[in-house]
N, C-alpha and C. Protein backbone atom coordinates (compact mmCIF):
# COMPACT_ATOMS: atom_id res chain seq x y z
N MET A 1 42.73 -11.91 -15.20
CA MET A 1 41.40 -12.39 -14.83
C MET A 1 41.07 -11.98 -13.40
N LEU A 2 42.03 -12.11 -12.54
CA LEU A 2 41.82 -11.76 -11.10
C LEU A 2 41.49 -10.32 -10.91
N LYS A 3 42.17 -9.45 -11.81
CA LYS A 3 41.90 -8.03 -11.72
C LYS A 3 40.49 -7.65 -12.11
N LYS A 4 39.94 -8.39 -13.15
CA LYS A 4 38.56 -8.11 -13.48
C LYS A 4 37.58 -8.59 -12.43
N PHE A 5 37.86 -9.75 -11.79
CA PHE A 5 36.98 -10.23 -10.71
C PHE A 5 37.03 -9.30 -9.53
N THR A 6 38.15 -8.76 -9.15
CA THR A 6 38.28 -7.80 -8.08
C THR A 6 37.50 -6.53 -8.42
N SER A 7 37.67 -6.06 -9.59
CA SER A 7 36.93 -4.82 -10.06
C SER A 7 35.46 -5.03 -9.97
N PHE A 8 34.99 -6.24 -10.40
CA PHE A 8 33.51 -6.56 -10.42
C PHE A 8 32.96 -6.63 -8.97
N SER A 9 33.72 -7.24 -8.07
CA SER A 9 33.25 -7.41 -6.75
C SER A 9 33.17 -6.10 -5.94
N ARG A 10 33.97 -5.09 -6.37
CA ARG A 10 33.99 -3.77 -5.68
C ARG A 10 32.97 -2.85 -6.34
N ASP A 11 32.47 -3.12 -7.48
CA ASP A 11 31.58 -2.25 -8.25
C ASP A 11 30.22 -2.24 -7.50
N GLU A 12 29.74 -1.06 -7.13
CA GLU A 12 28.46 -0.94 -6.42
C GLU A 12 27.31 -0.35 -7.34
N GLU A 13 27.61 -0.23 -8.60
CA GLU A 13 26.60 0.31 -9.51
C GLU A 13 25.42 -0.67 -9.66
N GLY A 14 24.26 -0.14 -9.51
CA GLY A 14 23.04 -1.00 -9.59
C GLY A 14 22.52 -1.46 -8.24
N ALA A 15 23.28 -1.21 -7.16
CA ALA A 15 22.85 -1.70 -5.83
C ALA A 15 21.62 -0.81 -5.40
N VAL A 16 21.59 0.41 -5.78
CA VAL A 16 20.45 1.26 -5.44
C VAL A 16 19.17 0.75 -6.16
N THR A 17 19.30 0.27 -7.31
CA THR A 17 18.12 -0.20 -8.01
C THR A 17 17.58 -1.47 -7.29
N VAL A 18 18.43 -2.32 -6.82
CA VAL A 18 17.99 -3.49 -6.08
C VAL A 18 17.28 -3.06 -4.80
N ASP A 19 17.82 -2.10 -4.13
CA ASP A 19 17.19 -1.59 -2.92
C ASP A 19 15.82 -1.07 -3.18
N TRP A 20 15.69 -0.32 -4.32
CA TRP A 20 14.38 0.27 -4.64
C TRP A 20 13.40 -0.86 -5.03
N VAL A 21 13.81 -1.86 -5.69
CA VAL A 21 12.92 -2.98 -6.09
C VAL A 21 12.39 -3.62 -4.84
N VAL A 22 13.22 -3.93 -3.90
CA VAL A 22 12.83 -4.54 -2.62
C VAL A 22 11.86 -3.67 -1.84
N LEU A 23 12.22 -2.39 -1.76
CA LEU A 23 11.31 -1.48 -1.08
C LEU A 23 9.95 -1.32 -1.71
N THR A 24 9.91 -1.23 -3.04
CA THR A 24 8.71 -1.16 -3.74
C THR A 24 7.82 -2.42 -3.57
N ALA A 25 8.47 -3.58 -3.60
CA ALA A 25 7.72 -4.78 -3.37
C ALA A 25 7.11 -4.83 -1.98
N ALA A 26 7.83 -4.38 -0.93
CA ALA A 26 7.35 -4.33 0.38
C ALA A 26 6.11 -3.37 0.54
N VAL A 27 6.21 -2.23 -0.17
CA VAL A 27 5.07 -1.28 -0.10
C VAL A 27 3.85 -1.85 -0.77
N VAL A 28 4.08 -2.53 -1.87
CA VAL A 28 2.89 -3.15 -2.61
C VAL A 28 2.29 -4.25 -1.74
N ALA A 29 3.10 -5.00 -1.09
CA ALA A 29 2.60 -6.08 -0.21
C ALA A 29 1.79 -5.53 0.93
N LEU A 30 2.26 -4.46 1.52
CA LEU A 30 1.59 -3.78 2.66
C LEU A 30 0.30 -3.23 2.14
N ALA A 31 0.28 -2.64 1.00
CA ALA A 31 -0.95 -2.03 0.45
C ALA A 31 -1.96 -3.13 0.15
N GLY A 32 -1.55 -4.22 -0.32
CA GLY A 32 -2.47 -5.38 -0.54
C GLY A 32 -3.01 -5.90 0.74
N ALA A 33 -2.21 -6.00 1.81
CA ALA A 33 -2.69 -6.39 3.06
C ALA A 33 -3.71 -5.44 3.65
N ALA A 34 -3.42 -4.16 3.50
CA ALA A 34 -4.40 -3.20 4.08
C ALA A 34 -5.67 -3.17 3.35
N TYR A 35 -5.61 -3.36 2.00
CA TYR A 35 -6.80 -3.34 1.17
C TYR A 35 -7.71 -4.63 1.55
N THR A 36 -7.08 -5.75 1.68
CA THR A 36 -7.79 -6.92 2.11
C THR A 36 -8.45 -6.79 3.42
N SER A 37 -7.74 -6.19 4.39
CA SER A 37 -8.30 -6.03 5.71
C SER A 37 -9.50 -5.06 5.76
N ILE A 38 -9.38 -3.98 5.01
CA ILE A 38 -10.39 -2.95 4.96
C ILE A 38 -11.62 -3.52 4.21
N GLN A 39 -11.45 -4.30 3.12
CA GLN A 39 -12.48 -4.85 2.38
C GLN A 39 -13.25 -5.87 3.23
N THR A 40 -12.59 -6.66 4.03
CA THR A 40 -13.22 -7.69 4.90
C THR A 40 -14.11 -6.95 5.89
N ALA A 41 -13.49 -5.99 6.57
CA ALA A 41 -14.21 -5.27 7.60
C ALA A 41 -15.44 -4.45 7.11
N SER A 42 -15.30 -3.83 5.99
CA SER A 42 -16.42 -3.04 5.42
C SER A 42 -17.50 -3.90 4.80
N GLY A 43 -17.20 -5.10 4.45
CA GLY A 43 -18.17 -6.02 3.89
C GLY A 43 -19.30 -6.32 4.93
N GLY A 44 -18.88 -6.58 6.17
CA GLY A 44 -19.81 -6.80 7.22
C GLY A 44 -20.64 -5.61 7.57
N VAL A 45 -20.10 -4.45 7.53
CA VAL A 45 -20.84 -3.22 7.75
C VAL A 45 -21.85 -3.06 6.64
N GLY A 46 -21.50 -3.23 5.44
CA GLY A 46 -22.36 -3.07 4.30
C GLY A 46 -23.57 -4.07 4.38
N THR A 47 -23.28 -5.25 4.78
CA THR A 47 -24.31 -6.30 4.93
C THR A 47 -25.29 -5.86 6.09
N GLY A 48 -24.82 -5.34 7.14
CA GLY A 48 -25.66 -4.90 8.28
C GLY A 48 -26.51 -3.76 7.84
N VAL A 49 -25.98 -2.86 7.13
CA VAL A 49 -26.70 -1.64 6.66
C VAL A 49 -27.86 -2.09 5.67
N GLY A 50 -27.50 -2.96 4.83
CA GLY A 50 -28.44 -3.46 3.81
C GLY A 50 -29.59 -4.21 4.53
N ASN A 51 -29.21 -5.04 5.51
CA ASN A 51 -30.29 -5.80 6.24
C ASN A 51 -31.23 -4.77 6.98
N TYR A 52 -30.67 -3.75 7.63
CA TYR A 52 -31.46 -2.81 8.31
C TYR A 52 -32.35 -2.02 7.37
N LEU A 53 -31.82 -1.57 6.25
CA LEU A 53 -32.62 -0.81 5.29
C LEU A 53 -33.71 -1.65 4.66
N THR A 54 -33.49 -2.96 4.56
CA THR A 54 -34.53 -3.85 4.02
C THR A 54 -35.67 -4.05 4.94
N SER A 55 -35.38 -3.96 6.25
CA SER A 55 -36.43 -4.21 7.26
C SER A 55 -37.22 -2.94 7.60
N VAL A 56 -36.79 -1.79 7.15
CA VAL A 56 -37.45 -0.51 7.52
C VAL A 56 -38.56 -0.32 6.50
N GLU A 57 -39.77 0.10 7.02
CA GLU A 57 -40.89 0.38 6.15
C GLU A 57 -40.87 1.90 5.85
N VAL A 58 -41.10 2.16 4.62
CA VAL A 58 -41.10 3.61 4.20
C VAL A 58 -42.55 4.08 4.28
N GLY A 59 -42.86 5.23 5.03
CA GLY A 59 -44.13 5.71 5.14
C GLY A 59 -44.47 6.73 4.04
N GLU A 60 -45.77 6.81 3.73
CA GLU A 60 -46.22 7.83 2.70
C GLU A 60 -46.85 8.92 3.37
């Protein structure tokens, strides 16, 4: 039984998969944060442009 436990503790198979899962989760979290930041900033710009275009009179 001790031999199996020692073999299991030294086995590194699957460690790369765990690394990729953590790395992918970090990338997704950063992308979500960037999307939220850009959406918040562009919403104010869109509102400003909309207000300006509403106040401009179109000449014939």
